[in-house]
C-alpha atoms as a PDB file:
ATOM      1  CA  MET A   1      30.152 -19.735  15.661  1.00  0.00           C
ATOM      2  CA  SER A   2      26.374 -19.738  17.393  1.00  0.00           C
ATOM      3  CA  SER A   3      27.088 -16.947  19.364  1.00  0.00           C
ATOM      4  CA  ILE A   4      27.679 -15.124  16.528  1.00  0.00           C
ATOM      5  CA  LEU A   5      24.328 -16.143  15.062  1.00  0.00           C
ATOM      6  CA  VAL A   6      22.887 -15.037  18.108  1.00  0.00           C
ATOM      7  CA  PHE A   7      24.384 -11.554  17.425  1.00  0.00           C
ATOM      8  CA  LEU A   8      23.372 -11.147  14.351  1.00  0.00           C
ATOM      9  CA  LEU A   9      20.228 -12.222  14.927  1.00  0.00           C
ATOM     10  CA  CYS A  10      20.006  -9.831  18.269  1.00  0.00           C
ATOM     11  CA  LEU A  11      21.929  -7.009  15.582  1.00  0.00           C
ATOM     12  CA  ALA A  12      18.502  -7.073  12.564  1.00  0.00           C
ATOM     13  CA  ALA A  13      16.044  -7.325  15.169  1.00  0.00           C
ATOM     14  CA  ALA A  14      17.417  -4.521  17.312  1.00  0.00           C
ATOM     15  CA  ALA A  15      17.588  -2.332  13.769  1.00  0.00           C
ATOM     16  CA  GLY A  16      13.245  -2.214  13.840  1.00  0.00           C
ATOM     17  CA  PRO A  17      10.599  -3.112  11.649  1.00  0.00           C
ATOM     18  CA  LEU A  18      10.628  -3.308   7.913  1.00  0.00           C
ATOM     19  CA  GLN A  19      11.179   1.169   6.333  1.00  0.00           C
ATOM     20  CA  PRO A  20      11.121  -0.255   2.675  1.00  0.00           C
ATOM     21  CA  HIS A  21      12.268   2.227  -0.343  1.00  0.00           C
ATOM     22  CA  LEU A  22      11.548   4.137  -2.550  1.00  0.00           C
ATOM     23  CA  SER A  23      11.994   6.465  -5.612  1.00  0.00           C
ATOM     24  CA  LEU A  24       9.695   7.072  -8.612  1.00  0.00           C
ATOM     25  CA  LYS A  25       8.430   9.703 -11.205  1.00  0.00           C
ATOM     26  CA  ASP A  26       4.785  10.066 -11.884  1.00  0.00           C
ATOM     27  CA  VAL A  27       3.339  10.378 -15.318  1.00  0.00           C
ATOM     28  CA  ASP A  28       3.863  13.742 -14.927  1.00  0.00           C
ATOM     29  CA  GLY A  29       7.984  13.470 -14.343  1.00  0.00           C
ATOM     30  CA  LYS A  30       7.909  14.363 -10.509  1.00  0.00           C
ATOM     31  CA  THR A  31       9.919  11.958  -7.509  1.00  0.00           C
ATOM     32  CA  HIS A  32       7.909  10.448  -4.513  1.00  0.00           C
ATOM     33  CA  THR A  33       9.639   8.886  -2.174  1.00  0.00           C
ATOM     34  CA  LEU A  34       8.104   7.345   0.972  1.00  0.00           C
ATOM     35  CA  ALA A  35      10.094   9.691   3.204  1.00  0.00           C
ATOM     36  CA  ASP A  36       8.259  12.581   1.425  1.00  0.00           C
ATOM     37  CA  TYR A  37       5.183  10.913   3.034  1.00  0.00           C
ATOM     38  CA  ARG A  38       6.405  10.367   6.588  1.00  0.00           C
ATOM     39  CA  GLY A  39       3.934  10.995   8.894  1.00  0.00           C
ATOM     40  CA  LYS A  40       1.510   9.902   6.227  1.00  0.00           C
ATOM     41  CA  ILE A  41       0.076   6.470   6.519  1.00  0.00           C
ATOM     42  CA  VAL A  42       0.607   5.487   3.053  1.00  0.00           C
ATOM     43  CA  VAL A  43      -1.119   2.656   0.928  1.00  0.00           C
ATOM     44  CA  LEU A  44       1.346   1.335  -2.035  1.00  0.00           C
ATOM     45  CA  ASN A  45      -1.089  -0.271  -4.305  1.00  0.00           C
ATOM     46  CA  PHE A  46       1.159  -2.422  -7.564  1.00  0.00           C
ATOM     47  CA  TRP A  47      -0.713  -2.146 -10.794  1.00  0.00           C
ATOM     48  CA  ALA A  48      -0.839  -2.501 -14.436  1.00  0.00           C
ATOM     49  CA  THR A  49      -3.270  -1.192 -17.577  1.00  0.00           C
ATOM     50  CA  TRP A  50      -3.198  -4.720 -18.719  1.00  0.00           C
ATOM     51  CA  CYS A  51      -4.482  -6.372 -15.914  1.00  0.00           C
ATOM     52  CA  VAL A  52      -7.633  -7.021 -15.511  1.00  0.00           C
ATOM     53  CA  PRO A  53      -7.908  -7.547 -10.776  1.00  0.00           C
ATOM     54  CA  CYS A  54      -6.452  -3.940 -11.022  1.00  0.00           C
ATOM     55  CA  LYS A  55      -9.229  -3.030 -12.907  1.00  0.00           C
ATOM     56  CA  GLU A  56     -11.704  -4.534 -10.770  1.00  0.00           C
ATOM     57  CA  GLU A  57     -10.198  -2.645  -7.842  1.00  0.00           C
ATOM     58  CA  MET A  58      -9.592   0.375  -8.412  1.00  0.00           C
ATOM     59  CA  PRO A  59     -12.668   1.930  -7.769  1.00  0.00           C
ATOM     60  CA  PHE A  60     -11.793   0.877  -4.063  1.00  0.00           C
ATOM     61  CA  PHE A  61      -8.469   2.764  -3.643  1.00  0.00           C
ATOM     62  CA  ALA A  62      -9.776   5.800  -5.633  1.00  0.00           C
ATOM     63  CA  GLU A  63     -12.668   5.479  -2.726  1.00  0.00           C
ATOM     64  CA  ALA A  64     -10.656   5.272   0.241  1.00  0.00           C
ATOM     65  CA  GLN A  65      -8.463   8.515  -0.708  1.00  0.00           C
ATOM     66  CA  LYS A  66     -11.690   9.986  -0.828  1.00  0.00           C
ATOM     67  CA  LYS A  67     -12.937   8.769   2.292  1.00  0.00           C
ATOM     68  CA  TYR A  68      -9.355   8.993   4.111  1.00  0.00           C
ATOM     69  CA  GLY A  69      -7.603  11.526   2.257  1.00  0.00           C
ATOM     70  CA  GLU A  70      -7.572  14.121   5.545  1.00  0.00           C
ATOM     71  CA  ARG A  71      -7.387  11.294   7.675  1.00  0.00           C
ATOM     72  CA  ASN A  72      -3.202  11.093   7.161  1.00  0.00           C
ATOM     73  CA  VAL A  73      -3.986   9.035   4.302  1.00  0.00           C
ATOM     74  CA  VAL A  74      -2.212   8.625   1.119  1.00  0.00           C
ATOM     75  CA  ILE A  75      -2.590   6.269  -1.842  1.00  0.00           C
ATOM     76  CA  LEU A  76      -0.014   5.701  -3.494  1.00  0.00           C
ATOM     77  CA  ALA A  77      -0.939   3.474  -7.206  1.00  0.00           C
ATOM     78  CA  ALA A  78       2.475   1.927  -8.799  1.00  0.00           C
ATOM     79  CA  SER A  79       2.695   0.821 -12.894  1.00  0.00           C
ATOM     80  CA  LEU A  80       4.677  -1.995 -13.832  1.00  0.00           C
ATOM     81  CA  ASP A  81       3.567  -1.317 -17.536  1.00  0.00           C
ATOM     82  CA  ASP A  82       6.889  -1.712 -19.284  1.00  0.00           C
ATOM     83  CA  ASP A  83       7.354   0.674 -22.488  1.00  0.00           C
ATOM     84  CA  LYS A  84       5.006  -1.366 -24.730  1.00  0.00           C
ATOM     85  CA  THR A  85       1.885   0.015 -22.191  1.00  0.00           C
ATOM     86  CA  LYS A  86       3.369   2.612 -19.764  1.00  0.00           C
ATOM     87  CA  LYS A  87       1.529   4.614 -22.695  1.00  0.00           C
ATOM     88  CA  TYR A  88      -2.048   3.771 -21.300  1.00  0.00           C
ATOM     89  CA  VAL A  89      -1.182   5.078 -17.827  1.00  0.00           C
ATOM     90  CA  HIS A  90      -2.012   8.618 -18.255  1.00  0.00           C
ATOM     91  CA  ARG A  91      -5.834   6.958 -20.033  1.00  0.00           C
ATOM     92  CA  PHE A  92      -6.072   4.443 -17.246  1.00  0.00           C
ATOM     93  CA  ALA A  93      -5.229   6.722 -14.337  1.00  0.00           C
ATOM     94  CA  GLN A  94      -8.177   9.534 -15.897  1.00  0.00           C
ATOM     95  CA  SER A  95     -10.741   6.310 -16.419  1.00  0.00           C
ATOM     96  CA  TYR A  96     -10.622   5.164 -13.154  1.00  0.00           C
ATOM     97  CA  LYS A  97     -10.236   9.068 -11.559  1.00  0.00           C
ATOM     98  CA  MET A  98      -7.059   8.119  -9.732  1.00  0.00           C
ATOM     99  CA  TYR A  99      -7.078  11.693  -8.591  1.00  0.00           C
ATOM    100  CA  PHE A 100      -3.528   9.907  -5.983  1.00  0.00           C
ATOM    101  CA  PRO A 101      -0.271  10.098  -6.941  1.00  0.00           C
ATOM    102  CA  VAL A 102       0.385   7.305 -10.503  1.00  0.00           C
ATOM    103  CA  LEU A 103       4.063   6.192 -10.241  1.00  0.00           C
ATOM    104  CA  LEU A 104       6.009   4.510 -12.974  1.00  0.00           C
ATOM    105  CA  ASP A 105       8.272   2.148 -13.842  1.00  0.00           C
ATOM    106  CA  ALA A 106       7.547   0.078 -10.619  1.00  0.00           C
ATOM    107  CA  THR A 107       8.633  -3.628 -11.323  1.00  0.00           C
ATOM    108  CA  ALA A 108       8.797  -7.178  -9.489  1.00  0.00           C
ATOM    109  CA  ASP A 109      12.437  -6.726  -8.182  1.00  0.00           C
ATOM    110  CA  LEU A 110      10.962  -3.788  -6.264  1.00  0.00           C
ATOM    111  CA  MET A 111       7.450  -5.597  -4.899  1.00  0.00           C
ATOM    112  CA  LYS A 112       9.805  -8.163  -3.193  1.00  0.00           C
ATOM    113  CA  GLU A 113      11.934  -5.669  -1.637  1.00  0.00           C
ATOM    114  CA  PHE A 114       8.104  -4.960  -0.219  1.00  0.00           C
ATOM    115  CA  GLY A 115       8.348  -8.244   0.916  1.00  0.00           C
ATOM    116  CA  LEU A 116       5.759  -9.223  -1.712  1.00  0.00           C
ATOM    117  CA  GLY A 117       5.770 -12.335  -4.324  1.00  0.00           C
ATOM    118  CA  ASP A 118       4.575 -11.003  -7.883  1.00  0.00           C
ATOM    119  CA  ARG A 119       1.647 -11.071  -8.265  1.00  0.00           C
ATOM    120  CA  VAL A 120      -0.181  -8.215  -9.369  1.00  0.00           C
ATOM    121  CA  PRO A 121      -1.858  -6.409  -7.817  1.00  0.00           C
ATOM    122  CA  SER A 122      -0.638  -6.135  -4.021  1.00  0.00           C
ATOM    123  CA  THR A 123      -0.769  -3.862  -2.354  1.00  0.00           C
ATOM    124  CA  ILE A 124       1.280  -2.596   0.950  1.00  0.00           C
ATOM    125  CA  PHE A 125       0.953  -0.587   3.824  1.00  0.00           C
ATOM    126  CA  LEU A 126       2.835   2.285   5.806  1.00  0.00           C
ATOM    127  CA  ASP A 127       2.631   3.310   9.316  1.00  0.00           C
ATOM    128  CA  ALA A 128       2.967   6.480   9.674  1.00  0.00           C
ATOM    129  CA  GLN A 129       6.750   6.335  11.253  1.00  0.00           C
ATOM    130  CA  GLY A 130       7.353   4.752   7.158  1.00  0.00           C
ATOM    131  CA  ASN A 131       7.428   0.818   9.196  1.00  0.00           C
ATOM    132  CA  LEU A 132       5.855  -2.192   7.182  1.00  0.00           C
ATOM    133  CA  ALA A 133       2.382  -2.386   8.319  1.00  0.00           C
ATOM    134  CA  GLY A 134       0.420  -4.424   6.134  1.00  0.00           C
ATOM    135  CA  LYS A 135      -0.453  -6.003   3.204  1.00  0.00           C
ATOM    136  CA  ILE A 136      -2.489  -7.970   0.263  1.00  0.00           C
ATOM    137  CA  GLU A 137      -0.988 -10.016  -2.141  1.00  0.00           C
ATOM    138  CA  GLY A 138      -3.123 -10.120  -5.198  1.00  0.00           C
ATOM    139  CA  GLN A 139      -6.972  -8.289  -5.618  1.00  0.00           C
ATOM    140  CA  ALA A 140      -8.180  -6.295  -2.477  1.00  0.00           C
ATOM    141  CA  ARG A 141     -11.837  -6.056  -1.692  1.00  0.00           C
ATOM    142  CA  LYS A 142     -12.817  -3.097  -0.715  1.00  0.00           C
ATOM    143  CA  LYS A 143     -13.738  -4.795   2.666  1.00  0.00           C
ATOM    144  CA  ASP A 144     -10.074  -5.496   3.405  1.00  0.00           C
ATOM    145  CA  LEU A 145      -8.386  -2.514   2.243  1.00  0.00           C
ATOM    146  CA  PHE A 146     -10.494  -0.318   4.322  1.00  0.00           C
ATOM    147  CA  ASN A 147      -9.837  -2.525   7.114  1.00  0.00           C
ATOM    148  CA  HIS A 148      -6.336  -2.257   6.930  1.00  0.00           C
ATOM    149  CA  ILE A 149      -6.246   1.686   6.235  1.00  0.00           C
ATOM    150  CA  GLU A 150      -9.083   2.277   9.495  1.00  0.00           C
ATOM    151  CA  LYS A 151      -6.680   0.050  11.992  1.00  0.00           C
ATOM    152  CA  LEU A 152      -3.713   2.368  10.825  1.00  0.00           C
ATOM    153  CA  ILE A 153      -5.894   5.164  11.593  1.00  0.00           C
ATOM    154  CA  ASN A 154      -6.863   3.843  14.934  1.00  0.00           C
ATOM    155  CA  SER A 155      -3.308   2.721  16.071  1.00  0.00           C
ATOM    156  CA  GLN A 156      -2.611   6.016  15.564  1.00  0.00           C
ATOM    157  CA  ALA A 157      -4.633   7.562  17.082  1.00  0.00           C
ATOM    158  CA  GLY A 158      -4.244   5.222  20.125  1.00  0.00           C
ATOM    159  CA  ALA A 159      -7.450   3.311  20.092  1.00  0.00           C
ATOM    160  CA  GLU A 160      -7.725  -0.192  19.767  1.00  0.00           C
ATOM    161  CA  PRO A 161      -9.082  -1.177  15.897  1.00  0.00           C
ATOM    162  CA  THR A 162     -13.002  -0.718  16.763  1.00  0.00           C
ATOM    163  CA  THR A 163     -14.643  -4.116  15.509  1.00  0.00           C
ATOM    164  CA  ARG A 164     -18.274  -4.779  13.785  1.00  0.00           C
ATOM    165  CA  LYS A 165     -20.583  -7.251  14.607  1.00  0.00           C
ATOM    166  CA  THR A 166     -23.179  -9.171  13.043  1.00  0.00           C
ATOM    167  CA  MET A 167     -26.049  -8.950  13.262  1.00  0.00           C
ATOM    168  CA  ALA A 168     -26.438 -12.261  15.658  1.00  0.00           C
ATOM    169  CA  SER A 169     -23.589 -11.923  17.914  1.00  0.00           C
ATOM    170  CA  ALA A 170     -25.181  -8.078  18.376  1.00  0.00           C
ATOM    171  CA  MET A 171     -28.552  -9.927  19.490  1.00  0.00           C
ATOM    172  CA  GLU A 172     -26.804 -12.534  21.562  1.00  0.00           C
ATOM    173  CA  PRO A 173     -27.022 -11.725  25.496  1.00  0.00           C
END
């Protein structure tokens, strides 16, 4: 019995990192899959129009798209709005300058497939090979969002992630 368990654990390890699946339509009816973005770093944010922390963090995602969009990074915003609130998604996206794909019909079950709980907002990060490379459960802070993205950009380029020194540590001998 223990040899079967060891075999199954080895088989799971050989399968490689988690590569989640996603297929959702955007506000214009175009279907997006994660395979569409293979070769790019993907930041997938789960949000809703009724979510106050989502409203607070969304400007960071818009800024990240401007800053990193030309560096092989794509932001995707997957709305968890239901049939009652879905009608507000387009206006929300315009208001928050979400000039990246805004996806509809995301669910808490889909979030769980990505290793998240059901806390909204939440964000996952996928490397250029489509592997799950990080996550933020709950509201993202700008610093954390940008650090995750920069770490993935640096690892893709083969460089070590840069760290910022505080003023005090920079003055130490």
